PDB file of all heavy atoms in Angstrom:
ATOM      1  N   ILE A   1      18.860  25.333 -10.080  1.00  0.00           N
ATOM      2  CA  ILE A   1      18.716  24.147 -10.781  1.00  0.00           C
ATOM      3  C   ILE A   1      17.335  23.597 -10.865  1.00  0.00           C
ATOM      4  O   ILE A   1      16.787  23.131 -11.922  1.00  0.00           O
ATOM      5  CB  ILE A   1      19.593  23.015 -10.193  1.00  0.00           C
ATOM      6  CG1 ILE A   1      21.097  23.268 -10.474  1.00  0.00           C
ATOM      7  CG2 ILE A   1      19.202  21.630 -10.692  1.00  0.00           C
ATOM      8  CD1 ILE A   1      21.416  23.087 -11.899  1.00  0.00           C
ATOM      9  N   GLU A   2      16.496  23.796  -9.780  1.00  0.00           N
ATOM     10  CA  GLU A   2      15.118  23.329  -9.674  1.00  0.00           C
ATOM     11  C   GLU A   2      14.183  23.964 -10.662  1.00  0.00           C
ATOM     12  O   GLU A   2      13.229  23.380 -10.966  1.00  0.00           O
ATOM     13  CB  GLU A   2      14.586  23.476  -8.313  1.00  0.00           C
ATOM     14  CG  GLU A   2      15.223  22.704  -7.144  1.00  0.00           C
ATOM     15  CD  GLU A   2      14.875  21.261  -7.260  1.00  0.00           C
ATOM     16  OE1 GLU A   2      13.809  20.935  -7.624  1.00  0.00           O
ATOM     17  OE2 GLU A   2      15.867  20.541  -7.159  1.00  0.00           O
ATOM     18  N   PHE A   3      14.583  25.012 -11.190  1.00  0.00           N
ATOM     19  CA  PHE A   3      13.683  25.763 -12.236  1.00  0.00           C
ATOM     20  C   PHE A   3      13.897  25.095 -13.595  1.00  0.00           C
ATOM     21  O   PHE A   3      12.979  25.195 -14.470  1.00  0.00           O
ATOM     22  CB  PHE A   3      14.106  27.202 -12.316  1.00  0.00           C
ATOM     23  CG  PHE A   3      13.448  28.000 -11.234  1.00  0.00           C
ATOM     24  CD1 PHE A   3      14.277  28.425 -10.231  1.00  0.00           C
ATOM     25  CD2 PHE A   3      12.206  28.565 -11.433  1.00  0.00           C
ATOM     26  CE1 PHE A   3      13.645  29.165  -9.129  1.00  0.00           C
ATOM     27  CE2 PHE A   3      11.695  29.340 -10.395  1.00  0.00           C
ATOM     28  CZ  PHE A   3      12.413  29.737  -9.338  1.00  0.00           C
ATOM     29  N   PHE A   4      14.951  24.275 -13.746  1.00  0.00           N
ATOM     30  CA  PHE A   4      15.231  23.640 -15.015  1.00  0.00           C
ATOM     31  C   PHE A   4      14.911  22.107 -15.077  1.00  0.00           C
ATOM     32  O   PHE A   4      15.478  21.465 -15.934  1.00  0.00           O
ATOM     33  CB  PHE A   4      16.693  23.896 -15.434  1.00  0.00           C
ATOM     34  CG  PHE A   4      17.016  25.377 -15.580  1.00  0.00           C
ATOM     35  CD1 PHE A   4      17.513  26.195 -14.497  1.00  0.00           C
ATOM     36  CD2 PHE A   4      16.886  25.957 -16.947  1.00  0.00           C
ATOM     37  CE1 PHE A   4      17.817  27.492 -14.625  1.00  0.00           C
ATOM     38  CE2 PHE A   4      17.143  27.270 -17.012  1.00  0.00           C
ATOM     39  CZ  PHE A   4      17.642  28.104 -15.987  1.00  0.00           C
ATOM     40  N   ILE A   5      14.162  21.774 -14.118  1.00  0.00           N
ATOM     41  CA  ILE A   5      13.699  20.297 -14.164  1.00  0.00           C
ATOM     42  C   ILE A   5      12.802  20.135 -15.371  1.00  0.00           C
ATOM     43  O   ILE A   5      11.623  20.632 -15.388  1.00  0.00           O
ATOM     44  CB  ILE A   5      12.972  19.913 -12.809  1.00  0.00           C
ATOM     45  CG1 ILE A   5      13.959  20.125 -11.628  1.00  0.00           C
ATOM     46  CG2 ILE A   5      12.521  18.454 -12.929  1.00  0.00           C
ATOM     47  CD1 ILE A   5      15.152  19.372 -11.646  1.00  0.00           C
ATOM     48  N   PRO A   6      13.100  19.221 -16.296  1.00  0.00           N
ATOM     49  CA  PRO A   6      12.188  19.043 -17.484  1.00  0.00           C
ATOM     50  C   PRO A   6      11.152  17.864 -17.248  1.00  0.00           C
ATOM     51  O   PRO A   6      11.399  16.915 -16.574  1.00  0.00           O
ATOM     52  CB  PRO A   6      13.180  18.609 -18.556  1.00  0.00           C
ATOM     53  CG  PRO A   6      14.279  17.833 -17.809  1.00  0.00           C
ATOM     54  CD  PRO A   6      14.349  18.508 -16.589  1.00  0.00           C
ATOM     55  N   TYR A   7       9.841  17.998 -17.892  1.00  0.00           N
ATOM     56  CA  TYR A   7       9.033  17.029 -17.793  1.00  0.00           C
ATOM     57  C   TYR A   7       9.326  16.074 -19.163  1.00  0.00           C
ATOM     58  O   TYR A   7       9.458  16.619 -20.148  1.00  0.00           O
ATOM     59  CB  TYR A   7       7.575  17.466 -17.977  1.00  0.00           C
ATOM     60  CG  TYR A   7       6.578  16.517 -18.055  1.00  0.00           C
ATOM     61  CD1 TYR A   7       6.301  15.524 -17.036  1.00  0.00           C
ATOM     62  CD2 TYR A   7       5.902  16.411 -19.287  1.00  0.00           C
ATOM     63  CE1 TYR A   7       5.346  14.593 -17.186  1.00  0.00           C
ATOM     64  CE2 TYR A   7       5.011  15.347 -19.438  1.00  0.00           C
ATOM     65  CZ  TYR A   7       4.685  14.497 -18.379  1.00  0.00           C
ATOM     66  OH  TYR A   7       3.746  13.482 -18.461  1.00  0.00           O
ATOM     67  N   ASP A   8       9.342  14.766 -18.818  1.00  0.00           N
ATOM     68  CA  ASP A   8       9.649  13.867 -19.956  1.00  0.00           C
ATOM     69  C   ASP A   8       8.335  13.548 -20.669  1.00  0.00           C
ATOM     70  O   ASP A   8       7.651  12.656 -20.318  1.00  0.00           O
ATOM     71  CB  ASP A   8      10.253  12.543 -19.374  1.00  0.00           C
ATOM     72  CG  ASP A   8      10.707  11.558 -20.440  1.00  0.00           C
ATOM     73  OD1 ASP A   8      10.779  12.043 -21.537  1.00  0.00           O
ATOM     74  OD2 ASP A   8      10.821  10.348 -20.036  1.00  0.00           O
ATOM     75  N   LEU A   9       8.210  14.300 -21.727  1.00  0.00           N
ATOM     76  CA  LEU A   9       6.975  14.100 -22.645  1.00  0.00           C
ATOM     77  C   LEU A   9       7.166  12.879 -23.357  1.00  0.00           C
ATOM     78  O   LEU A   9       6.073  12.131 -23.822  1.00  0.00           O
ATOM     79  CB  LEU A   9       6.818  15.291 -23.554  1.00  0.00           C
ATOM     80  CG  LEU A   9       5.579  15.258 -24.426  1.00  0.00           C
ATOM     81  CD1 LEU A   9       4.415  15.365 -23.525  1.00  0.00           C
ATOM     82  CD2 LEU A   9       5.611  16.540 -25.370  1.00  0.00           C
ATOM     83  N   SER A  10       8.313  12.362 -23.703  1.00  0.00           N
ATOM     84  CA  SER A  10       8.399  11.156 -24.523  1.00  0.00           C
ATOM     85  C   SER A  10       7.720  10.009 -23.962  1.00  0.00           C
ATOM     86  O   SER A  10       7.309   9.165 -24.701  1.00  0.00           O
ATOM     87  CB  SER A  10      10.007  10.838 -24.697  1.00  0.00           C
ATOM     88  OG  SER A  10      10.651  11.981 -25.258  1.00  0.00           O
ATOM     89  N   SER A  11       7.748   9.867 -22.691  1.00  0.00           N
ATOM     90  CA  SER A  11       6.911   8.762 -22.111  1.00  0.00           C
ATOM     91  C   SER A  11       5.496   8.762 -22.350  1.00  0.00           C
ATOM     92  O   SER A  11       4.860   7.733 -22.336  1.00  0.00           O
ATOM     93  CB  SER A  11       7.200   8.881 -20.513  1.00  0.00           C
ATOM     94  OG  SER A  11       6.717   9.915 -19.944  1.00  0.00           O
ATOM     95  N   ARG A  12       4.978   9.993 -22.658  1.00  0.00           N
ATOM     96  CA  ARG A  12       3.502  10.008 -22.967  1.00  0.00           C
ATOM     97  C   ARG A  12       3.259   9.814 -24.458  1.00  0.00           C
ATOM     98  O   ARG A  12       2.095   9.730 -24.974  1.00  0.00           O
ATOM     99  CB  ARG A  12       3.030  11.470 -22.448  1.00  0.00           C
ATOM    100  CG  ARG A  12       3.184  11.694 -21.063  1.00  0.00           C
ATOM    101  CD  ARG A  12       2.635  10.750 -20.168  1.00  0.00           C
ATOM    102  NE  ARG A  12       1.049  10.837 -20.215  1.00  0.00           N
ATOM    103  CZ  ARG A  12       0.358  11.552 -19.341  1.00  0.00           C
ATOM    104  NH1 ARG A  12       1.030  12.168 -18.421  1.00  0.00           N
ATOM    105  NH2 ARG A  12      -0.931  11.627 -19.432  1.00  0.00           N
ATOM    106  N   ALA A  13       4.283   9.847 -25.256  1.00  0.00           N
ATOM    107  CA  ALA A  13       4.082   9.721 -26.715  1.00  0.00           C
ATOM    108  C   ALA A  13       3.984   8.220 -27.225  1.00  0.00           C
ATOM    109  O   ALA A  13       4.120   8.006 -28.357  1.00  0.00           O
ATOM    110  CB  ALA A  13       5.248  10.566 -27.466  1.00  0.00           C
ATOM    111  N   VAL A  14       3.846   7.324 -26.308  1.00  0.00           N
ATOM    112  CA  VAL A  14       3.874   5.933 -26.697  1.00  0.00           C
ATOM    113  C   VAL A  14       2.349   5.458 -26.694  1.00  0.00           C
ATOM    114  O   VAL A  14       1.675   5.753 -25.698  1.00  0.00           O
ATOM    115  CB  VAL A  14       4.635   5.134 -25.718  1.00  0.00           C
ATOM    116  CG1 VAL A  14       4.566   3.692 -25.988  1.00  0.00           C
ATOM    117  CG2 VAL A  14       6.113   5.656 -25.701  1.00  0.00           C
ATOM    118  N   GLN A  15       1.954   4.768 -27.746  1.00  0.00           N
ATOM    119  CA  GLN A  15       0.602   4.211 -27.697  1.00  0.00           C
ATOM    120  C   GLN A  15       0.475   3.125 -26.757  1.00  0.00           C
ATOM    121  O   GLN A  15       1.327   2.265 -26.483  1.00  0.00           O
ATOM    122  CB  GLN A  15       0.434   3.546 -29.137  1.00  0.00           C
ATOM    123  CG  GLN A  15       0.609   4.507 -30.361  1.00  0.00           C
ATOM    124  CD  GLN A  15      -0.666   5.505 -30.445  1.00  0.00           C
ATOM    125  OE1 GLN A  15      -1.633   5.233 -29.772  1.00  0.00           O
ATOM    126  NE2 GLN A  15      -0.527   6.499 -31.281  1.00  0.00           N
ATOM    127  N   ARG A  16      -0.644   3.300 -25.952  1.00  0.00           N
ATOM    128  CA  ARG A  16      -0.847   2.266 -24.849  1.00  0.00           C
ATOM    129  C   ARG A  16      -2.318   1.802 -24.996  1.00  0.00           C
ATOM    130  O   ARG A  16      -3.097   2.434 -25.556  1.00  0.00           O
ATOM    131  CB  ARG A  16      -0.546   2.805 -23.511  1.00  0.00           C
ATOM    132  CG  ARG A  16       0.915   3.045 -23.187  1.00  0.00           C
ATOM    133  CD  ARG A  16       1.121   3.560 -21.728  1.00  0.00           C
ATOM    134  NE  ARG A  16       0.766   4.945 -21.608  1.00  0.00           N
ATOM    135  CZ  ARG A  16       0.775   5.506 -20.363  1.00  0.00           C
ATOM    136  NH1 ARG A  16       0.974   4.922 -19.327  1.00  0.00           N
ATOM    137  NH2 ARG A  16       0.418   6.829 -20.372  1.00  0.00           N
ATOM    138  N   GLU A  17      -2.596   0.664 -24.297  1.00  0.00           N
ATOM    139  CA  GLU A  17      -3.918   0.224 -24.339  1.00  0.00           C
ATOM    140  C   GLU A  17      -4.940   1.380 -23.708  1.00  0.00           C
ATOM    141  O   GLU A  17      -4.633   1.893 -22.561  1.00  0.00           O
ATOM    142  CB  GLU A  17      -4.014  -1.011 -23.523  1.00  0.00           C
ATOM    143  CG  GLU A  17      -5.429  -1.627 -23.546  1.00  0.00           C
ATOM    144  CD  GLU A  17      -5.515  -3.040 -22.729  1.00  0.00           C
ATOM    145  OE1 GLU A  17      -4.435  -3.347 -22.274  1.00  0.00           O
ATOM    146  OE2 GLU A  17      -6.592  -3.541 -22.618  1.00  0.00           O
ATOM    147  N   GLY A  18      -5.976   1.568 -24.241  1.00  0.00           N
ATOM    148  CA  GLY A  18      -6.986   2.527 -23.791  1.00  0.00           C
ATOM    149  C   GLY A  18      -6.738   3.968 -24.194  1.00  0.00           C
ATOM    150  O   GLY A  18      -7.312   4.938 -23.669  1.00  0.00           O
ATOM    151  N   ARG A  19      -5.626   4.210 -24.964  1.00  0.00           N
ATOM    152  CA  ARG A  19      -5.396   5.599 -25.476  1.00  0.00           C
ATOM    153  C   ARG A  19      -4.606   5.599 -26.750  1.00  0.00           C
ATOM    154  O   ARG A  19      -4.024   4.585 -27.073  1.00  0.00           O
ATOM    155  CB  ARG A  19      -4.491   6.312 -24.301  1.00  0.00           C
ATOM    156  CG  ARG A  19      -3.036   5.731 -24.092  1.00  0.00           C
ATOM    157  CD  ARG A  19      -2.428   6.451 -22.924  1.00  0.00           C
ATOM    158  NE  ARG A  19      -3.119   6.160 -21.618  1.00  0.00           N
ATOM    159  CZ  ARG A  19      -3.100   6.913 -20.597  1.00  0.00           C
ATOM    160  NH1 ARG A  19      -2.353   7.974 -20.604  1.00  0.00           N
ATOM    161  NH2 ARG A  19      -3.815   6.619 -19.550  1.00  0.00           N
ATOM    162  N   SER A  20      -4.770   6.722 -27.331  1.00  0.00           N
ATOM    163  CA  SER A  20      -4.121   6.917 -28.640  1.00  0.00           C
ATOM    164  C   SER A  20      -3.447   8.338 -28.636  1.00  0.00           C
ATOM    165  O   SER A  20      -3.997   9.234 -28.020  1.00  0.00           O
ATOM    166  CB  SER A  20      -5.232   6.959 -29.727  1.00  0.00           C
ATOM    167  OG  SER A  20      -4.614   7.272 -30.977  1.00  0.00           O
ATOM    168  N   VAL A  21      -2.277   8.398 -29.202  1.00  0.00           N
ATOM    169  CA  VAL A  21      -1.444   9.713 -29.162  1.00  0.00           C
ATOM    170  C   VAL A  21      -1.075  10.102 -30.559  1.00  0.00           C
ATOM    171  O   VAL A  21      -0.798   9.140 -31.329  1.00  0.00           O
ATOM    172  CB  VAL A  21      -0.265   9.593 -28.274  1.00  0.00           C
ATOM    173  CG1 VAL A  21      -0.695   9.472 -26.820  1.00  0.00           C
ATOM    174  CG2 VAL A  21       0.693   8.425 -28.718  1.00  0.00           C
ATOM    175  N   PHE A  22      -0.909  11.378 -30.867  1.00  0.00           N
ATOM    176  CA  PHE A  22      -0.569  11.720 -32.152  1.00  0.00           C
ATOM    177  C   PHE A  22       0.092  13.079 -32.144  1.00  0.00           C
ATOM    178  O   PHE A  22      -0.310  13.917 -31.094  1.00  0.00           O
ATOM    179  CB  PHE A  22      -1.555  11.687 -33.133  1.00  0.00           C
ATOM    180  CG  PHE A  22      -2.785  12.377 -33.034  1.00  0.00           C
ATOM    181  CD1 PHE A  22      -2.986  13.656 -33.516  1.00  0.00           C
ATOM    182  CD2 PHE A  22      -3.896  11.882 -32.318  1.00  0.00           C
ATOM    183  CE1 PHE A  22      -4.086  14.347 -33.232  1.00  0.00           C
ATOM    184  CE2 PHE A  22      -4.963  12.484 -32.063  1.00  0.00           C
ATOM    185  CZ  PHE A  22      -5.220  13.758 -32.568  1.00  0.00           C
ATOM    186  N   TRP A  23       0.916  13.524 -32.927  1.00  0.00           N
ATOM    187  CA  TRP A  23       1.552  14.909 -32.884  1.00  0.00           C
ATOM    188  C   TRP A  23       0.839  15.875 -33.829  1.00  0.00           C
ATOM    189  O   TRP A  23       0.285  15.576 -34.806  1.00  0.00           O
ATOM    190  CB  TRP A  23       3.071  14.785 -33.379  1.00  0.00           C
ATOM    191  CG  TRP A  23       3.903  13.887 -32.555  1.00  0.00           C
ATOM    192  CD1 TRP A  23       4.190  12.552 -32.818  1.00  0.00           C
ATOM    193  CD2 TRP A  23       4.530  14.231 -31.387  1.00  0.00           C
ATOM    194  NE1 TRP A  23       4.959  12.028 -31.871  1.00  0.00           N
ATOM    195  CE2 TRP A  23       5.296  13.036 -30.938  1.00  0.00           C
ATOM    196  CE3 TRP A  23       4.621  15.361 -30.566  1.00  0.00           C
ATOM    197  CZ2 TRP A  23       6.022  13.036 -29.801  1.00  0.00           C
ATOM    198  CZ3 TRP A  23       5.432  15.299 -29.456  1.00  0.00           C
ATOM    199  CH2 TRP A  23       5.995  14.238 -29.058  1.00  0.00           C
ATOM    200  N   LEU A  24       0.783  17.086 -33.440  1.00  0.00           N
ATOM    201  CA  LEU A  24       0.284  18.139 -34.319  1.00  0.00           C
ATOM    202  C   LEU A  24       1.446  19.100 -34.624  1.00  0.00           C
ATOM    203  O   LEU A  24       2.184  19.648 -33.869  1.00  0.00           O
ATOM    204  CB  LEU A  24      -0.774  18.984 -33.450  1.00  0.00           C
ATOM    205  CG  LEU A  24      -2.051  18.305 -33.047  1.00  0.00           C
ATOM    206  CD1 LEU A  24      -2.968  19.217 -32.292  1.00  0.00           C
ATOM    207  CD2 LEU A  24      -2.746  17.771 -34.414  1.00  0.00           C
ATOM    208  N   HIS A  25       1.563  19.242 -36.008  1.00  0.00           N
ATOM    209  CA  HIS A  25       2.658  20.186 -36.651  1.00  0.00           C
ATOM    210  C   HIS A  25       1.990  21.458 -37.031  1.00  0.00           C
ATOM    211  O   HIS A  25       0.824  21.491 -37.398  1.00  0.00           O
ATOM    212  CB  HIS A  25       3.313  19.486 -37.682  1.00  0.00           C
ATOM    213  CG  HIS A  25       4.024  18.199 -37.334  1.00  0.00           C
ATOM    214  ND1 HIS A  25       5.344  18.200 -36.827  1.00  0.00           N
ATOM    215  CD2 HIS A  25       3.700  16.937 -37.077  1.00  0.00           C
ATOM    216  CE1 HIS A  25       5.798  16.936 -36.578  1.00  0.00           C
ATOM    217  NE2 HIS A  25       4.785  16.200 -36.678  1.00  0.00           N
ATOM    218  N   ALA A  26       2.769  22.482 -36.996  1.00  0.00           N
ATOM    219  CA  ALA A  26       2.284  23.853 -37.384  1.00  0.00           C
ATOM    220  C   ALA A  26       1.733  23.767 -38.894  1.00  0.00           C
ATOM    221  O   ALA A  26       0.651  24.380 -39.083  1.00  0.00           O
ATOM    222  CB  ALA A  26       3.381  24.862 -37.260  1.00  0.00           C
ATOM    223  N   GLN A  27       2.410  23.155 -39.680  1.00  0.00           N
ATOM    224  CA  GLN A  27       1.887  23.162 -41.194  1.00  0.00           C
ATOM    225  C   GLN A  27       0.649  22.349 -41.286  1.00  0.00           C
ATOM    226  O   GLN A  27      -0.273  22.849 -42.003  1.00  0.00           O
ATOM    227  CB  GLN A  27       3.021  22.409 -42.125  1.00  0.00           C
ATOM    228  CG  GLN A  27       2.716  22.482 -43.545  1.00  0.00           C
ATOM    229  CD  GLN A  27       2.728  23.870 -44.007  1.00  0.00           C
ATOM    230  OE1 GLN A  27       3.595  24.696 -43.571  1.00  0.00           O
ATOM    231  NE2 GLN A  27       2.010  24.231 -45.086  1.00  0.00           N
ATOM    232  N   THR A  28       0.528  21.309 -40.572  1.00  0.00           N
ATOM    233  CA  THR A  28      -0.835  20.614 -40.520  1.00  0.00           C
ATOM    234  C   THR A  28      -1.933  21.468 -40.039  1.00  0.00           C
ATOM    235  O   THR A  28      -3.129  21.438 -40.653  1.00  0.00           O
ATOM    236  CB  THR A  28      -0.657  19.276 -39.788  1.00  0.00           C
ATOM    237  OG1 THR A  28       0.490  18.468 -40.223  1.00  0.00           O
ATOM    238  CG2 THR A  28      -1.879  18.489 -39.819  1.00  0.00           C
ATOM    239  N   LEU A  29      -1.664  22.080 -38.983  1.00  0.00           N
ATOM    240  CA  LEU A  29      -2.758  22.978 -38.346  1.00  0.00           C
ATOM    241  C   LEU A  29      -3.148  24.081 -39.306  1.00  0.00           C
ATOM    242  O   LEU A  29      -4.273  24.498 -39.300  1.00  0.00           O
ATOM    243  CB  LEU A  29      -2.255  23.565 -36.961  1.00  0.00           C
ATOM    244  CG  LEU A  29      -2.084  22.492 -35.823  1.00  0.00           C
ATOM    245  CD1 LEU A  29      -1.563  22.979 -34.666  1.00  0.00           C
ATOM    246  CD2 LEU A  29      -3.510  21.892 -35.424  1.00  0.00           C
ATOM    247  N   GLU A  30      -2.244  24.620 -39.984  1.00  0.00           N
ATOM    248  CA  GLU A  30      -2.489  25.652 -40.920  1.00  0.00           C
ATOM    249  C   GLU A  30      -3.314  25.279 -42.110  1.00  0.00           C
ATOM    250  O   GLU A  30      -4.081  25.980 -42.651  1.00  0.00           O
ATOM    251  CB  GLU A  30      -1.187  26.372 -41.400  1.00  0.00           C
ATOM    252  CG  GLU A  30      -0.525  27.162 -40.245  1.00  0.00           C
ATOM    253  CD  GLU A  30       0.869  27.540 -40.573  1.00  0.00           C
ATOM    254  OE1 GLU A  30       1.368  27.265 -41.713  1.00  0.00           O
ATOM    255  OE2 GLU A  30       1.540  28.338 -39.693  1.00  0.00           O
ATOM    256  N   ASP A  31      -2.930  24.079 -42.658  1.00  0.00           N
ATOM    257  CA  ASP A  31      -3.395  23.558 -43.876  1.00  0.00           C
ATOM    258  C   ASP A  31      -4.750  22.834 -43.737  1.00  0.00           C
ATOM    259  O   ASP A  31      -5.538  22.802 -44.717  1.00  0.00           O
ATOM    260  CB  ASP A  31      -2.440  22.771 -44.614  1.00  0.00           C
ATOM    261  CG  ASP A  31      -1.355  23.672 -45.066  1.00  0.00           C
ATOM    262  OD1 ASP A  31      -1.368  24.899 -44.895  1.00  0.00           O
ATOM    263  OD2 ASP A  31      -0.135  23.067 -45.320  1.00  0.00           O
ATOM    264  N   ASP A  32      -4.871  22.050 -42.643  1.00  0.00           N
ATOM    265  CA  ASP A  32      -5.988  21.042 -42.526  1.00  0.00           C
ATOM    266  C   ASP A  32      -6.953  21.413 -41.480  1.00  0.00           C
ATOM    267  O   ASP A  32      -6.616  21.350 -40.286  1.00  0.00           O
ATOM    268  CB  ASP A  32      -5.382  19.762 -42.135  1.00  0.00           C
ATOM    269  CG  ASP A  32      -6.387  18.624 -42.182  1.00  0.00           C
ATOM    270  OD1 ASP A  32      -7.505  18.956 -42.453  1.00  0.00           O
ATOM    271  OD2 ASP A  32      -6.057  17.439 -41.961  1.00  0.00           O
ATOM    272  N   ALA A  33      -8.050  21.874 -41.776  1.00  0.00           N
ATOM    273  CA  ALA A  33      -9.136  22.297 -40.755  1.00  0.00           C
ATOM    274  C   ALA A  33      -9.567  21.121 -40.019  1.00  0.00           C
ATOM    275  O   ALA A  33     -10.230  21.324 -38.959  1.00  0.00           O
ATOM    276  CB  ALA A  33     -10.280  22.924 -41.460  1.00  0.00           C
ATOM    277  N   ALA A  34      -9.296  19.884 -40.536  1.00  0.00           N
ATOM    278  CA  ALA A  34      -9.679  18.700 -39.779  1.00  0.00           C
ATOM    279  C   ALA A  34      -8.648  18.012 -39.001  1.00  0.00           C
ATOM    280  O   ALA A  34      -8.703  16.888 -38.781  1.00  0.00           O
ATOM    281  CB  ALA A  34     -10.358  17.735 -40.766  1.00  0.00           C
ATOM    282  N   ALA A  35      -7.624  18.802 -38.603  1.00  0.00           N
ATOM    283  CA  ALA A  35      -6.448  18.389 -38.055  1.00  0.00           C
ATOM    284  C   ALA A  35      -6.803  17.585 -36.713  1.00  0.00           C
ATOM    285  O   ALA A  35      -6.103  16.825 -36.224  1.00  0.00           O
ATOM    286  CB  ALA A  35      -5.383  19.421 -37.808  1.00  0.00           C
ATOM    287  N   LEU A  36      -7.823  18.144 -36.127  1.00  0.00           N
ATOM    288  CA  LEU A  36      -8.240  17.533 -34.821  1.00  0.00           C
ATOM    289  C   LEU A  36      -9.354  16.471 -34.918  1.00  0.00           C
ATOM    290  O   LEU A  36     -10.024  16.255 -33.943  1.00  0.00           O
ATOM    291  CB  LEU A  36      -8.681  18.622 -33.872  1.00  0.00           C
ATOM    292  CG  LEU A  36      -7.510  19.618 -33.310  1.00  0.00           C
ATOM    293  CD1 LEU A  36      -8.119  20.609 -32.432  1.00  0.00           C
ATOM    294  CD2 LEU A  36      -6.438  18.879 -32.715  1.00  0.00           C
ATOM    295  N   ARG A  37      -9.477  15.890 -36.052  1.00  0.00           N
ATOM    296  CA  ARG A  37     -10.555  14.976 -36.272  1.00  0.00           C
ATOM    297  C   ARG A  37     -10.205  13.744 -35.328  1.00  0.00           C
ATOM    298  O   ARG A  37      -9.049  13.400 -35.056  1.00  0.00           O
ATOM    299  CB  ARG A  37     -10.584  14.484 -37.763  1.00  0.00           C
ATOM    300  CG  ARG A  37      -9.242  13.861 -38.103  1.00  0.00           C
ATOM    301  CD  ARG A  37      -9.418  13.414 -39.638  1.00  0.00           C
ATOM    302  NE  ARG A  37      -8.140  12.782 -40.205  1.00  0.00           N
ATOM    303  CZ  ARG A  37      -7.158  13.473 -40.611  1.00  0.00           C
ATOM    304  NH1 ARG A  37      -7.134  14.886 -40.673  1.00  0.00           N
ATOM    305  NH2 ARG A  37      -6.058  12.922 -40.996  1.00  0.00           N
ATOM    306  N   ARG A  38     -11.224  13.247 -34.838  1.00  0.00           N
ATOM    307  CA  ARG A  38     -11.033  12.083 -33.884  1.00  0.00           C
ATOM    308  C   ARG A  38     -10.667  10.900 -34.580  1.00  0.00           C
ATOM    309  O   ARG A  38     -11.030  10.518 -35.693  1.00  0.00           O
ATOM    310  CB  ARG A  38     -12.574  11.830 -33.159  1.00  0.00           C
ATOM    311  CG  ARG A  38     -13.028  12.940 -32.471  1.00  0.00           C
ATOM    312  CD  ARG A  38     -14.298  12.704 -31.732  1.00  0.00           C
ATOM    313  NE  ARG A  38     -14.905  13.808 -31.154  1.00  0.00           N
ATOM    314  CZ  ARG A  38     -16.016  13.885 -30.478  1.00  0.00           C
ATOM    315  NH1 ARG A  38     -16.682  12.769 -30.479  1.00  0.00           N
ATOM    316  NH2 ARG A  38     -16.465  14.992 -29.903  1.00  0.00           N
TER     317      ARG A  38
END
């Protein structure tokens, strides 16, 4: 069972003070060379 302990990524996907979060999709990465723009 211990090998199947999941990390809860959803808790990190929330905008908080002092940080910004966004998702990267395969289609975006393939089509947009500026996908990692700040």
